[in-house]
C-alpha atoms as a PDB file:
ATOM      1  CA  UNK A   1      -4.521  41.050 -29.271  1.00  0.00           C
ATOM      2  CA  UNK A   2      -6.027  38.990 -26.350  1.00  0.00           C
ATOM      3  CA  UNK A   3      -4.491  38.663 -23.085  1.00  0.00           C
ATOM      4  CA  UNK A   4      -2.851  35.441 -21.599  1.00  0.00           C
ATOM      5  CA  UNK A   5      -5.009  33.023 -20.051  1.00  0.00           C
ATOM      6  CA  UNK A   6      -4.511  30.564 -17.093  1.00  0.00           C
ATOM      7  CA  UNK A   7      -4.692  27.831 -20.168  1.00  0.00           C
ATOM      8  CA  UNK A   8      -1.762  29.506 -22.013  1.00  0.00           C
ATOM      9  CA  UNK A   9       0.580  29.093 -19.073  1.00  0.00           C
ATOM     10  CA  UNK A  10      -0.957  24.987 -18.563  1.00  0.00           C
ATOM     11  CA  UNK A  11      -3.472  24.785 -16.383  1.00  0.00           C
ATOM     12  CA  UNK A  12      -7.325  24.405 -17.526  1.00  0.00           C
ATOM     13  CA  UNK A  13      -9.549  25.211 -15.296  1.00  0.00           C
ATOM     14  CA  UNK A  14     -12.164  23.614 -17.506  1.00  0.00           C
ATOM     15  CA  UNK A  15     -10.596  19.735 -17.596  1.00  0.00           C
ATOM     16  CA  UNK A  16     -10.375  20.191 -13.568  1.00  0.00           C
ATOM     17  CA  UNK A  17     -13.866  21.345 -13.021  1.00  0.00           C
ATOM     18  CA  UNK A  18     -14.689  17.923 -15.101  1.00  0.00           C
ATOM     19  CA  UNK A  19     -12.143  15.941 -13.289  1.00  0.00           C
ATOM     20  CA  UNK A  20     -13.941  17.042  -9.922  1.00  0.00           C
ATOM     21  CA  UNK A  21     -16.973  15.694 -11.027  1.00  0.00           C
ATOM     22  CA  UNK A  22     -16.263  12.177 -12.173  1.00  0.00           C
ATOM     23  CA  UNK A  23     -14.052  12.147  -8.756  1.00  0.00           C
ATOM     24  CA  UNK A  24     -17.381  13.181  -6.888  1.00  0.00           C
ATOM     25  CA  UNK A  25     -19.694  10.308  -8.329  1.00  0.00           C
ATOM     26  CA  UNK A  26     -16.922   7.595  -7.338  1.00  0.00           C
ATOM     27  CA  UNK A  27     -16.166   9.102  -4.381  1.00  0.00           C
ATOM     28  CA  UNK A  28     -20.221   8.955  -3.263  1.00  0.00           C
ATOM     29  CA  UNK A  29     -20.309   5.172  -3.474  1.00  0.00           C
ATOM     30  CA  UNK A  30     -17.821   5.018  -0.669  1.00  0.00           C
ATOM     31  CA  UNK A  31     -20.021   6.984   1.783  1.00  0.00           C
ATOM     32  CA  UNK A  32     -20.405   5.074   5.263  1.00  0.00           C
ATOM     33  CA  UNK A  33     -23.229   6.310   7.724  1.00  0.00           C
ATOM     34  CA  UNK A  34     -20.397   8.486   9.737  1.00  0.00           C
ATOM     35  CA  UNK A  35     -19.756  11.010   6.715  1.00  0.00           C
ATOM     36  CA  UNK A  36     -21.737  14.022   7.161  1.00  0.00           C
ATOM     37  CA  UNK A  37     -22.539  16.361   4.361  1.00  0.00           C
ATOM     38  CA  UNK A  38     -21.346  16.004   0.382  1.00  0.00           C
ATOM     39  CA  UNK A  39     -17.879  16.012  -1.567  1.00  0.00           C
ATOM     40  CA  UNK A  40     -16.988  19.822  -2.580  1.00  0.00           C
ATOM     41  CA  UNK A  41     -16.974  22.232   0.738  1.00  0.00           C
ATOM     42  CA  UNK A  42     -13.599  23.364   1.736  1.00  0.00           C
ATOM     43  CA  UNK A  43     -13.471  20.812   4.848  1.00  0.00           C
ATOM     44  CA  UNK A  44     -14.867  17.067   5.304  1.00  0.00           C
ATOM     45  CA  UNK A  45     -16.719  15.999   7.846  1.00  0.00           C
ATOM     46  CA  UNK A  46     -17.086  12.613   9.699  1.00  0.00           C
ATOM     47  CA  UNK A  47     -18.805  11.999  12.756  1.00  0.00           C
ATOM     48  CA  UNK A  48     -17.192   9.055  15.025  1.00  0.00           C
ATOM     49  CA  UNK A  49     -19.541   6.309  16.232  1.00  0.00           C
ATOM     50  CA  UNK A  50     -19.736   2.906  17.655  1.00  0.00           C
ATOM     51  CA  UNK A  51     -16.290   3.290  19.772  1.00  0.00           C
ATOM     52  CA  UNK A  52     -16.480   3.128  23.720  1.00  0.00           C
ATOM     53  CA  UNK A  53     -13.049   4.598  24.397  1.00  0.00           C
ATOM     54  CA  UNK A  54     -11.206   5.092  20.593  1.00  0.00           C
ATOM     55  CA  UNK A  55      -7.721   5.864  19.598  1.00  0.00           C
ATOM     56  CA  UNK A  56      -7.327   7.640  16.405  1.00  0.00           C
ATOM     57  CA  UNK A  57      -4.610   6.105  13.959  1.00  0.00           C
ATOM     58  CA  UNK A  58      -3.499   8.694  11.277  1.00  0.00           C
ATOM     59  CA  UNK A  59      -1.378   7.495   7.941  1.00  0.00           C
ATOM     60  CA  UNK A  60      -0.024   8.832   4.842  1.00  0.00           C
ATOM     61  CA  UNK A  61       1.507   7.318   2.199  1.00  0.00           C
ATOM     62  CA  UNK A  62       1.986   7.402  -1.731  1.00  0.00           C
ATOM     63  CA  UNK A  63       2.880   5.114  -4.352  1.00  0.00           C
ATOM     64  CA  UNK A  64       6.352   5.446  -5.459  1.00  0.00           C
ATOM     65  CA  UNK A  65       7.653   5.269  -8.796  1.00  0.00           C
ATOM     66  CA  UNK A  66       5.251   2.310  -9.500  1.00  0.00           C
ATOM     67  CA  UNK A  67       3.265   5.984 -10.997  1.00  0.00           C
ATOM     68  CA  UNK A  68       5.972   5.717 -13.741  1.00  0.00           C
ATOM     69  CA  UNK A  69       5.052   1.953 -14.837  1.00  0.00           C
ATOM     70  CA  UNK A  70       1.243   3.287 -14.952  1.00  0.00           C
ATOM     71  CA  UNK A  71       2.041   6.262 -17.030  1.00  0.00           C
ATOM     72  CA  UNK A  72       3.767   4.417 -19.273  1.00  0.00           C
ATOM     73  CA  UNK A  73       1.560   1.629 -19.596  1.00  0.00           C
ATOM     74  CA  UNK A  74      -1.779   4.118 -19.763  1.00  0.00           C
ATOM     75  CA  UNK A  75      -3.109   2.073 -16.876  1.00  0.00           C
ATOM     76  CA  UNK A  76      -4.117   3.632 -13.568  1.00  0.00           C
ATOM     77  CA  UNK A  77      -6.619   2.555 -11.926  1.00  0.00           C
ATOM     78  CA  UNK A  78      -4.301  -0.478 -10.143  1.00  0.00           C
ATOM     79  CA  UNK A  79      -2.320   2.449  -8.694  1.00  0.00           C
ATOM     80  CA  UNK A  80      -5.320   3.964  -7.435  1.00  0.00           C
ATOM     81  CA  UNK A  81      -5.994   0.769  -5.375  1.00  0.00           C
ATOM     82  CA  UNK A  82      -2.436   0.832  -4.434  1.00  0.00           C
ATOM     83  CA  UNK A  83      -2.639   4.210  -2.441  1.00  0.00           C
ATOM     84  CA  UNK A  84      -5.620   3.308  -0.387  1.00  0.00           C
ATOM     85  CA  UNK A  85      -4.737  -0.404   0.195  1.00  0.00           C
ATOM     86  CA  UNK A  86      -0.861   0.929   1.406  1.00  0.00           C
ATOM     87  CA  UNK A  87      -2.313   3.081   3.847  1.00  0.00           C
ATOM     88  CA  UNK A  88      -5.492   0.961   5.711  1.00  0.00           C
ATOM     89  CA  UNK A  89      -2.681  -1.774   5.704  1.00  0.00           C
ATOM     90  CA  UNK A  90      -0.371   0.686   7.806  1.00  0.00           C
ATOM     91  CA  UNK A  91      -2.851   1.543  10.181  1.00  0.00           C
ATOM     92  CA  UNK A  92      -4.338  -1.676  10.286  1.00  0.00           C
ATOM     93  CA  UNK A  93      -0.686  -3.025  11.926  1.00  0.00           C
ATOM     94  CA  UNK A  94      -2.039  -1.265  15.075  1.00  0.00           C
ATOM     95  CA  UNK A  95      -5.188  -2.904  15.109  1.00  0.00           C
ATOM     96  CA  UNK A  96      -7.423   0.193  13.847  1.00  0.00           C
ATOM     97  CA  UNK A  97     -10.255  -0.028  11.343  1.00  0.00           C
ATOM     98  CA  UNK A  98     -10.265   2.344   8.296  1.00  0.00           C
ATOM     99  CA  UNK A  99     -13.027   5.428   8.942  1.00  0.00           C
ATOM    100  CA  UNK A 100     -12.129   7.890   6.070  1.00  0.00           C
ATOM    101  CA  UNK A 101      -9.585   8.431   3.522  1.00  0.00           C
ATOM    102  CA  UNK A 102      -8.330  11.732   1.442  1.00  0.00           C
ATOM    103  CA  UNK A 103      -6.191  11.984  -1.800  1.00  0.00           C
ATOM    104  CA  UNK A 104      -3.487  14.207  -3.323  1.00  0.00           C
ATOM    105  CA  UNK A 105      -3.440  13.727  -7.114  1.00  0.00           C
ATOM    106  CA  UNK A 106      -0.745  16.503  -9.317  1.00  0.00           C
ATOM    107  CA  UNK A 107      -0.380  16.529 -12.514  1.00  0.00           C
ATOM    108  CA  UNK A 108       1.781  18.039 -15.240  1.00  0.00           C
ATOM    109  CA  UNK A 109      -1.028  17.768 -17.538  1.00  0.00           C
ATOM    110  CA  UNK A 110      -4.596  16.986 -15.877  1.00  0.00           C
ATOM    111  CA  UNK A 111      -6.530  14.653 -18.296  1.00  0.00           C
ATOM    112  CA  UNK A 112     -10.390  13.783 -16.770  1.00  0.00           C
ATOM    113  CA  UNK A 113     -10.011  10.427 -17.840  1.00  0.00           C
ATOM    114  CA  UNK A 114      -6.650   9.478 -16.182  1.00  0.00           C
ATOM    115  CA  UNK A 115      -8.369  11.009 -12.742  1.00  0.00           C
ATOM    116  CA  UNK A 116     -11.234   9.072 -13.011  1.00  0.00           C
ATOM    117  CA  UNK A 117      -9.429   6.151 -13.404  1.00  0.00           C
ATOM    118  CA  UNK A 118      -7.570   7.115 -10.475  1.00  0.00           C
ATOM    119  CA  UNK A 119     -10.704   7.710  -8.659  1.00  0.00           C
ATOM    120  CA  UNK A 120     -12.468   4.618  -9.878  1.00  0.00           C
ATOM    121  CA  UNK A 121      -9.566   2.513  -8.027  1.00  0.00           C
ATOM    122  CA  UNK A 122      -9.296   4.397  -4.667  1.00  0.00           C
ATOM    123  CA  UNK A 123     -12.915   4.219  -4.756  1.00  0.00           C
ATOM    124  CA  UNK A 124     -13.217   0.398  -5.142  1.00  0.00           C
ATOM    125  CA  UNK A 125     -10.544  -0.061  -2.516  1.00  0.00           C
ATOM    126  CA  UNK A 126     -12.369   2.269   0.144  1.00  0.00           C
ATOM    127  CA  UNK A 127     -15.612   0.336  -0.485  1.00  0.00           C
ATOM    128  CA  UNK A 128     -13.665  -2.982  -0.099  1.00  0.00           C
ATOM    129  CA  UNK A 129     -11.862  -1.772   3.301  1.00  0.00           C
ATOM    130  CA  UNK A 130     -15.448   0.101   4.538  1.00  0.00           C
ATOM    131  CA  UNK A 131     -13.778   3.280   4.223  1.00  0.00           C
ATOM    132  CA  UNK A 132     -14.971   6.695   3.061  1.00  0.00           C
ATOM    133  CA  UNK A 133     -13.174   8.740   0.296  1.00  0.00           C
ATOM    134  CA  UNK A 134     -14.315  12.033   1.727  1.00  0.00           C
ATOM    135  CA  UNK A 135     -12.143  14.714   0.027  1.00  0.00           C
ATOM    136  CA  UNK A 136      -9.022  15.438  -1.782  1.00  0.00           C
ATOM    137  CA  UNK A 137      -6.930  17.880  -3.545  1.00  0.00           C
ATOM    138  CA  UNK A 138      -6.280  17.728  -7.521  1.00  0.00           C
ATOM    139  CA  UNK A 139      -3.522  20.058  -8.981  1.00  0.00           C
ATOM    140  CA  UNK A 140      -2.307  20.865 -12.368  1.00  0.00           C
ATOM    141  CA  UNK A 141       1.535  21.674 -11.626  1.00  0.00           C
ATOM    142  CA  UNK A 142       3.002  22.489 -15.161  1.00  0.00           C
ATOM    143  CA  UNK A 143       6.829  23.322 -14.794  1.00  0.00           C
ATOM    144  CA  UNK A 144       6.526  21.123 -11.802  1.00  0.00           C
ATOM    145  CA  UNK A 145       5.813  17.736 -13.475  1.00  0.00           C
ATOM    146  CA  UNK A 146       6.076  17.094 -17.263  1.00  0.00           C
ATOM    147  CA  UNK A 147       3.049  16.332 -19.210  1.00  0.00           C
ATOM    148  CA  UNK A 148       2.756  12.709 -18.196  1.00  0.00           C
ATOM    149  CA  UNK A 149       4.206  12.807 -14.781  1.00  0.00           C
ATOM    150  CA  UNK A 150       1.863  12.897 -11.577  1.00  0.00           C
ATOM    151  CA  UNK A 151       2.015  12.129  -8.084  1.00  0.00           C
ATOM    152  CA  UNK A 152      -0.662  10.461  -5.707  1.00  0.00           C
ATOM    153  CA  UNK A 153      -0.622  10.192  -2.206  1.00  0.00           C
ATOM    154  CA  UNK A 154      -2.904   9.408   0.157  1.00  0.00           C
ATOM    155  CA  UNK A 155      -4.222  10.569   3.902  1.00  0.00           C
ATOM    156  CA  UNK A 156      -6.215   7.958   6.273  1.00  0.00           C
ATOM    157  CA  UNK A 157      -7.707   7.992   9.442  1.00  0.00           C
ATOM    158  CA  UNK A 158      -9.020   5.180  11.543  1.00  0.00           C
ATOM    159  CA  UNK A 159      -9.907   4.011  15.086  1.00  0.00           C
ATOM    160  CA  UNK A 160      -9.603   1.645  17.420  1.00  0.00           C
ATOM    161  CA  UNK A 161     -10.286   0.800  21.180  1.00  0.00           C
ATOM    162  CA  UNK A 162      -7.874   1.582  23.717  1.00  0.00           C
ATOM    163  CA  UNK A 163      -7.749  -1.618  25.086  1.00  0.00           C
ATOM    164  CA  UNK A 164      -7.539  -3.286  21.627  1.00  0.00           C
ATOM    165  CA  UNK A 165      -4.478  -1.117  20.448  1.00  0.00           C
ATOM    166  CA  UNK A 166      -1.527  -3.118  19.147  1.00  0.00           C
ATOM    167  CA  UNK A 167       1.713  -2.244  20.074  1.00  0.00           C
ATOM    168  CA  UNK A 168       4.090  -5.080  19.964  1.00  0.00           C
ATOM    169  CA  UNK A 169       4.742  -4.298  23.565  1.00  0.00           C
ATOM    170  CA  UNK A 170       3.283  -7.748  24.644  1.00  0.00           C
ATOM    171  CA  UNK A 171       5.854  -9.874  22.290  1.00  0.00           C
ATOM    172  CA  UNK A 172       8.373 -12.129  23.990  1.00  0.00           C
ATOM    173  CA  UNK A 173      10.802 -14.335  23.082  1.00  0.00           C
ATOM    174  CA  UNK A 174      10.132 -17.468  21.311  1.00  0.00           C
ATOM    175  CA  UNK A 175       6.536 -15.964  19.844  1.00  0.00           C
ATOM    176  CA  UNK A 176       5.902 -17.264  16.074  1.00  0.00           C
ATOM    177  CA  UNK A 177       6.018 -14.781  13.360  1.00  0.00           C
ATOM    178  CA  UNK A 178       3.213 -15.693  10.887  1.00  0.00           C
ATOM    179  CA  UNK A 179       3.803 -14.546   7.353  1.00  0.00           C
ATOM    180  CA  UNK A 180       0.905 -13.359   4.760  1.00  0.00           C
ATOM    181  CA  UNK A 181       1.816 -13.877   1.146  1.00  0.00           C
ATOM    182  CA  UNK A 182       2.391 -10.306  -1.021  1.00  0.00           C
ATOM    183  CA  UNK A 183       0.517 -10.232  -4.314  1.00  0.00           C
ATOM    184  CA  UNK A 184       3.912  -8.900  -5.835  1.00  0.00           C
ATOM    185  CA  UNK A 185       6.260  -5.924  -5.414  1.00  0.00           C
ATOM    186  CA  UNK A 186       3.261  -3.955  -3.666  1.00  0.00           C
ATOM    187  CA  UNK A 187       4.842  -0.369  -4.333  1.00  0.00           C
ATOM    188  CA  UNK A 188       8.026  -0.523  -3.056  1.00  0.00           C
ATOM    189  CA  UNK A 189      11.345  -1.278  -5.153  1.00  0.00           C
ATOM    190  CA  UNK A 190      10.173  -0.003  -8.611  1.00  0.00           C
ATOM    191  CA  UNK A 191      13.053   2.708  -8.899  1.00  0.00           C
ATOM    192  CA  UNK A 192      15.524   0.074  -9.089  1.00  0.00           C
ATOM    193  CA  UNK A 193      13.493  -2.243 -11.059  1.00  0.00           C
ATOM    194  CA  UNK A 194      13.107   0.423 -13.666  1.00  0.00           C
ATOM    195  CA  UNK A 195      16.917   0.591 -13.824  1.00  0.00           C
ATOM    196  CA  UNK A 196      17.353  -3.035 -14.013  1.00  0.00           C
ATOM    197  CA  UNK A 197      15.323  -3.345 -17.035  1.00  0.00           C
ATOM    198  CA  UNK A 198      15.908   0.034 -18.292  1.00  0.00           C
ATOM    199  CA  UNK A 199      12.293   1.027 -18.454  1.00  0.00           C
ATOM    200  CA  UNK A 200      12.677   4.809 -19.375  1.00  0.00           C
ATOM    201  CA  UNK A 201      15.017   3.884 -21.987  1.00  0.00           C
ATOM    202  CA  UNK A 202      12.833   1.199 -23.731  1.00  0.00           C
ATOM    203  CA  UNK A 203       9.235   1.422 -22.751  1.00  0.00           C
ATOM    204  CA  UNK A 204       8.452  -1.739 -24.891  1.00  0.00           C
ATOM    205  CA  UNK A 205      10.265  -4.092 -22.515  1.00  0.00           C
ATOM    206  CA  UNK A 206       7.040  -3.531 -19.980  1.00  0.00           C
ATOM    207  CA  UNK A 207       5.207  -5.834 -23.028  1.00  0.00           C
ATOM    208  CA  UNK A 208       7.400  -8.391 -22.834  1.00  0.00           C
ATOM    209  CA  UNK A 209       6.142 -11.991 -22.504  1.00  0.00           C
ATOM    210  CA  UNK A 210       8.123 -13.339 -18.927  1.00  0.00           C
ATOM    211  CA  UNK A 211       7.437 -17.114 -19.129  1.00  0.00           C
ATOM    212  CA  UNK A 212       7.831 -17.669 -15.217  1.00  0.00           C
ATOM    213  CA  UNK A 213       5.592 -15.340 -14.099  1.00  0.00           C
ATOM    214  CA  UNK A 214       2.765 -16.250 -16.775  1.00  0.00           C
ATOM    215  CA  UNK A 215       2.080 -12.374 -17.654  1.00  0.00           C
ATOM    216  CA  UNK A 216       3.439  -9.333 -19.718  1.00  0.00           C
ATOM    217  CA  UNK A 217       6.455  -7.822 -17.555  1.00  0.00           C
ATOM    218  CA  UNK A 218       4.119  -4.697 -17.220  1.00  0.00           C
ATOM    219  CA  UNK A 219       1.145  -6.633 -16.033  1.00  0.00           C
ATOM    220  CA  UNK A 220       3.193  -8.349 -13.228  1.00  0.00           C
ATOM    221  CA  UNK A 221       4.601  -5.072 -11.893  1.00  0.00           C
ATOM    222  CA  UNK A 222       1.408  -3.500 -11.904  1.00  0.00           C
ATOM    223  CA  UNK A 223      -0.406  -5.759  -9.733  1.00  0.00           C
ATOM    224  CA  UNK A 224      -2.203  -3.980  -6.801  1.00  0.00           C
ATOM    225  CA  UNK A 225      -1.178  -3.825  -3.238  1.00  0.00           C
ATOM    226  CA  UNK A 226      -2.724  -6.452  -1.623  1.00  0.00           C
ATOM    227  CA  UNK A 227      -5.350  -5.605   0.786  1.00  0.00           C
ATOM    228  CA  UNK A 228      -4.894  -7.019   4.425  1.00  0.00           C
ATOM    229  CA  UNK A 229      -7.473  -5.741   6.389  1.00  0.00           C
ATOM    230  CA  UNK A 230     -10.678  -7.903   5.510  1.00  0.00           C
ATOM    231  CA  UNK A 231      -8.028 -11.041   5.268  1.00  0.00           C
ATOM    232  CA  UNK A 232      -6.625 -10.235   8.859  1.00  0.00           C
ATOM    233  CA  UNK A 233      -9.619  -9.442  10.955  1.00  0.00           C
ATOM    234  CA  UNK A 234     -10.078 -12.582  12.428  1.00  0.00           C
ATOM    235  CA  UNK A 235      -6.560 -12.968  13.656  1.00  0.00           C
ATOM    236  CA  UNK A 236      -6.899  -9.899  15.820  1.00  0.00           C
ATOM    237  CA  UNK A 237      -7.818 -11.848  18.941  1.00  0.00           C
ATOM    238  CA  UNK A 238      -4.349 -14.095  18.505  1.00  0.00           C
ATOM    239  CA  UNK A 239      -1.939 -10.987  17.005  1.00  0.00           C
ATOM    240  CA  UNK A 240       0.520  -9.141  19.302  1.00  0.00           C
ATOM    241  CA  UNK A 241       2.030  -7.001  17.068  1.00  0.00           C
ATOM    242  CA  UNK A 242       1.930  -6.804  12.913  1.00  0.00           C
ATOM    243  CA  UNK A 243       4.245  -5.380  10.547  1.00  0.00           C
ATOM    244  CA  UNK A 244       3.336  -4.375   6.922  1.00  0.00           C
ATOM    245  CA  UNK A 245       6.268  -5.011   4.832  1.00  0.00           C
ATOM    246  CA  UNK A 246       7.495  -2.418   2.633  1.00  0.00           C
ATOM    247  CA  UNK A 247       9.913  -0.250   1.497  1.00  0.00           C
ATOM    248  CA  UNK A 248      13.153  -2.164   3.821  1.00  0.00           C
ATOM    249  CA  UNK A 249      11.863  -5.540   3.536  1.00  0.00           C
ATOM    250  CA  UNK A 250      11.437  -7.602   6.790  1.00  0.00           C
ATOM    251  CA  UNK A 251      14.903  -6.350   7.511  1.00  0.00           C
ATOM    252  CA  UNK A 252      13.821  -2.972   8.319  1.00  0.00           C
ATOM    253  CA  UNK A 253      10.155  -3.493   9.253  1.00  0.00           C
ATOM    254  CA  UNK A 254       9.643  -6.385  11.681  1.00  0.00           C
ATOM    255  CA  UNK A 255      12.018  -4.403  14.028  1.00  0.00           C
ATOM    256  CA  UNK A 256       9.720  -1.956  14.325  1.00  0.00           C
ATOM    257  CA  UNK A 257       7.393  -3.875  16.712  1.00  0.00           C
ATOM    258  CA  UNK A 258       9.541  -5.458  18.540  1.00  0.00           C
ATOM    259  CA  UNK A 259      10.452  -4.577  22.475  1.00  0.00           C
ATOM    260  CA  UNK A 260      13.879  -3.612  22.730  1.00  0.00           C
ATOM    261  CA  UNK A 261      16.448  -6.806  23.335  1.00  0.00           C
ATOM    262  CA  UNK A 262      14.481  -8.430  20.742  1.00  0.00           C
ATOM    263  CA  UNK A 263      14.896  -9.660  17.423  1.00  0.00           C
ATOM    264  CA  UNK A 264      13.713 -12.039  14.490  1.00  0.00           C
ATOM    265  CA  UNK A 265      14.949 -15.208  12.893  1.00  0.00           C
ATOM    266  CA  UNK A 266      13.092 -16.109   9.798  1.00  0.00           C
ATOM    267  CA  UNK A 267      13.603 -19.410   7.945  1.00  0.00           C
ATOM    268  CA  UNK A 268      14.397 -18.907   4.404  1.00  0.00           C
ATOM    269  CA  UNK A 269      12.647 -22.357   3.350  1.00  0.00           C
ATOM    270  CA  UNK A 270       9.678 -21.627   5.080  1.00  0.00           C
ATOM    271  CA  UNK A 271       7.861 -19.780   2.177  1.00  0.00           C
ATOM    272  CA  UNK A 272       8.678 -19.871  -1.539  1.00  0.00           C
ATOM    273  CA  UNK A 273       9.855 -16.388  -2.967  1.00  0.00           C
ATOM    274  CA  UNK A 274       7.605 -15.561  -6.314  1.00  0.00           C
ATOM    275  CA  UNK A 275       9.195 -16.007  -9.447  1.00  0.00           C
ATOM    276  CA  UNK A 276       9.157 -12.333 -10.315  1.00  0.00           C
ATOM    277  CA  UNK A 277      11.728 -11.307  -7.089  1.00  0.00           C
ATOM    278  CA  UNK A 278      14.177 -13.569  -8.380  1.00  0.00           C
ATOM    279  CA  UNK A 279      13.587 -12.490 -12.095  1.00  0.00           C
ATOM    280  CA  UNK A 280      14.836  -8.728 -10.756  1.00  0.00           C
ATOM    281  CA  UNK A 281      17.805 -10.660  -8.845  1.00  0.00           C
ATOM    282  CA  UNK A 282      18.942 -12.728 -12.107  1.00  0.00           C
ATOM    283  CA  UNK A 283      18.250  -9.598 -14.236  1.00  0.00           C
ATOM    284  CA  UNK A 284      20.225  -7.449 -11.929  1.00  0.00           C
ATOM    285  CA  UNK A 285      22.474  -9.468 -10.619  1.00  0.00           C
ATOM    286  CA  UNK A 286      21.365  -8.079  -7.144  1.00  0.00           C
ATOM    287  CA  UNK A 287      22.725  -9.684  -3.996  1.00  0.00           C
ATOM    288  CA  UNK A 288      20.481 -11.610  -1.814  1.00  0.00           C
ATOM    289  CA  UNK A 289      20.756  -9.453   0.926  1.00  0.00           C
ATOM    290  CA  UNK A 290      20.221  -6.138  -0.866  1.00  0.00           C
ATOM    291  CA  UNK A 291      16.509  -8.025  -2.300  1.00  0.00           C
ATOM    292  CA  UNK A 292      15.489  -8.611   1.406  1.00  0.00           C
ATOM    293  CA  UNK A 293      16.185  -4.926   2.196  1.00  0.00           C
ATOM    294  CA  UNK A 294      14.256  -3.804  -0.997  1.00  0.00           C
ATOM    295  CA  UNK A 295      11.565  -6.035  -2.000  1.00  0.00           C
ATOM    296  CA  UNK A 296       8.966  -7.641   0.590  1.00  0.00           C
ATOM    297  CA  UNK A 297      10.249 -11.407  -1.364  1.00  0.00           C
ATOM    298  CA  UNK A 298       6.466 -12.580  -1.021  1.00  0.00           C
ATOM    299  CA  UNK A 299       5.415 -11.835   2.428  1.00  0.00           C
ATOM    300  CA  UNK A 300       3.317  -9.003   2.707  1.00  0.00           C
ATOM    301  CA  UNK A 301       2.622  -8.772   6.454  1.00  0.00           C
ATOM    302  CA  UNK A 302       3.843 -10.514   9.133  1.00  0.00           C
ATOM    303  CA  UNK A 303       1.681 -11.196  12.531  1.00  0.00           C
ATOM    304  CA  UNK A 304       3.406 -12.191  15.776  1.00  0.00           C
ATOM    305  CA  UNK A 305       1.591 -14.631  18.060  1.00  0.00           C
ATOM    306  CA  UNK A 306       1.963 -16.849  20.922  1.00  0.00           C
ATOM    307  CA  UNK A 307       3.323 -20.354  20.309  1.00  0.00           C
ATOM    308  CA  UNK A 308       0.001 -21.608  22.009  1.00  0.00           C
ATOM    309  CA  UNK A 309      -1.948 -19.441  19.386  1.00  0.00           C
ATOM    310  CA  UNK A 310      -0.417 -20.670  16.148  1.00  0.00           C
ATOM    311  CA  UNK A 311      -3.013 -23.430  15.458  1.00  0.00           C
ATOM    312  CA  UNK A 312      -6.109 -21.334  16.241  1.00  0.00           C
ATOM    313  CA  UNK A 313      -4.578 -18.284  13.971  1.00  0.00           C
ATOM    314  CA  UNK A 314      -3.981 -20.801  10.924  1.00  0.00           C
ATOM    315  CA  UNK A 315      -7.453 -22.044  11.357  1.00  0.00           C
ATOM    316  CA  UNK A 316      -8.688 -18.548  11.330  1.00  0.00           C
ATOM    317  CA  UNK A 317      -6.095 -18.183   8.195  1.00  0.00           C
ATOM    318  CA  UNK A 318      -4.886 -21.262   6.582  1.00  0.00           C
ATOM    319  CA  UNK A 319      -2.631 -19.046   4.519  1.00  0.00           C
ATOM    320  CA  UNK A 320      -0.814 -17.712   7.255  1.00  0.00           C
ATOM    321  CA  UNK A 321       3.046 -19.461   7.273  1.00  0.00           C
ATOM    322  CA  UNK A 322       4.790 -20.001  10.245  1.00  0.00           C
ATOM    323  CA  UNK A 323       8.369 -18.463   8.675  1.00  0.00           C
ATOM    324  CA  UNK A 324      10.209 -17.427  12.171  1.00  0.00           C
ATOM    325  CA  UNK A 325      10.154 -16.499  15.598  1.00  0.00           C
ATOM    326  CA  UNK A 326      11.522 -13.956  18.258  1.00  0.00           C
ATOM    327  CA  UNK A 327      14.753 -14.062  19.572  1.00  0.00           C
ATOM    328  CA  UNK A 328      17.150 -12.545  22.238  1.00  0.00           C
ATOM    329  CA  UNK A 329      19.309  -9.635  20.287  1.00  0.00           C
ATOM    330  CA  UNK A 330      18.196  -6.950  17.750  1.00  0.00           C
ATOM    331  CA  UNK A 331      17.647  -6.746  14.597  1.00  0.00           C
ATOM    332  CA  UNK A 332      16.887  -9.608  11.838  1.00  0.00           C
ATOM    333  CA  UNK A 333      18.384 -12.657  10.760  1.00  0.00           C
ATOM    334  CA  UNK A 334      17.952 -15.643   8.357  1.00  0.00           C
ATOM    335  CA  UNK A 335      18.384 -19.339   8.727  1.00  0.00           C
ATOM    336  CA  UNK A 336      18.305 -22.122   6.353  1.00  0.00           C
END
């Protein structure tokens, strides 16, 4: 009788080797002049260049339970884009240019085609941001994840000149809050959404056509996290601070960039909340305050500028909307 093998225990080394070959092809397409060497060594190398007095900015983040929507729909490229865009957006709030990105992918059962779709999404987002995908880890973990379950996490390093670092410390009372429209839910609030629509009990609801959003529910929920880095570079000369509106919404994220003693007041009529958010609110009977704590409500990034810089900033990016102002006090308030 033959002895046990690793494959008998649920780990397929041949599938892992194929997956890594597929990843390597996509990763190489993102290489920038700073990359040293190739994919596959025990460490990834990057040579910092083009900066006088650089500050390195690093971040790690995941996609959350949006991954369940991807798994149920058998579509993985979008969440590959998500994990890169989320990480790039976060370090860009400091003014940092993304340099390189690494990923962590873990599966209950490793399917090379799924891995390639994730890598294709990550590589496309990295190329769009001028960021190199230089390494990562792919793991098959039966017993930790069920067959179709997986996790996806990103790690990014960027750099900014010391004298251009955005910390929000120059923000003053009366400064204007410019809102940049989001592309959807991005990567937050999916645990609540899955519960409201009972997606785990009946995944077929994802195929339901939603007239007010002009697509199926599943398509609307899988819209990738918008990449703000290339879009907002022209606003950097005017920005005093930037907040990426992720988990916690406007309520929790904008105060992170405000100096002590200052708060934010938003005008609810200054932008139109996209229909998808109102659908979620209606179907789940979710209170307005809870919606603003869980979701971005149509605003993906908030840029703080001086009142005298508003016109110039909006010329640089016409879709930037004045949605509020910095006020005395702390926290966030909403006005009609």
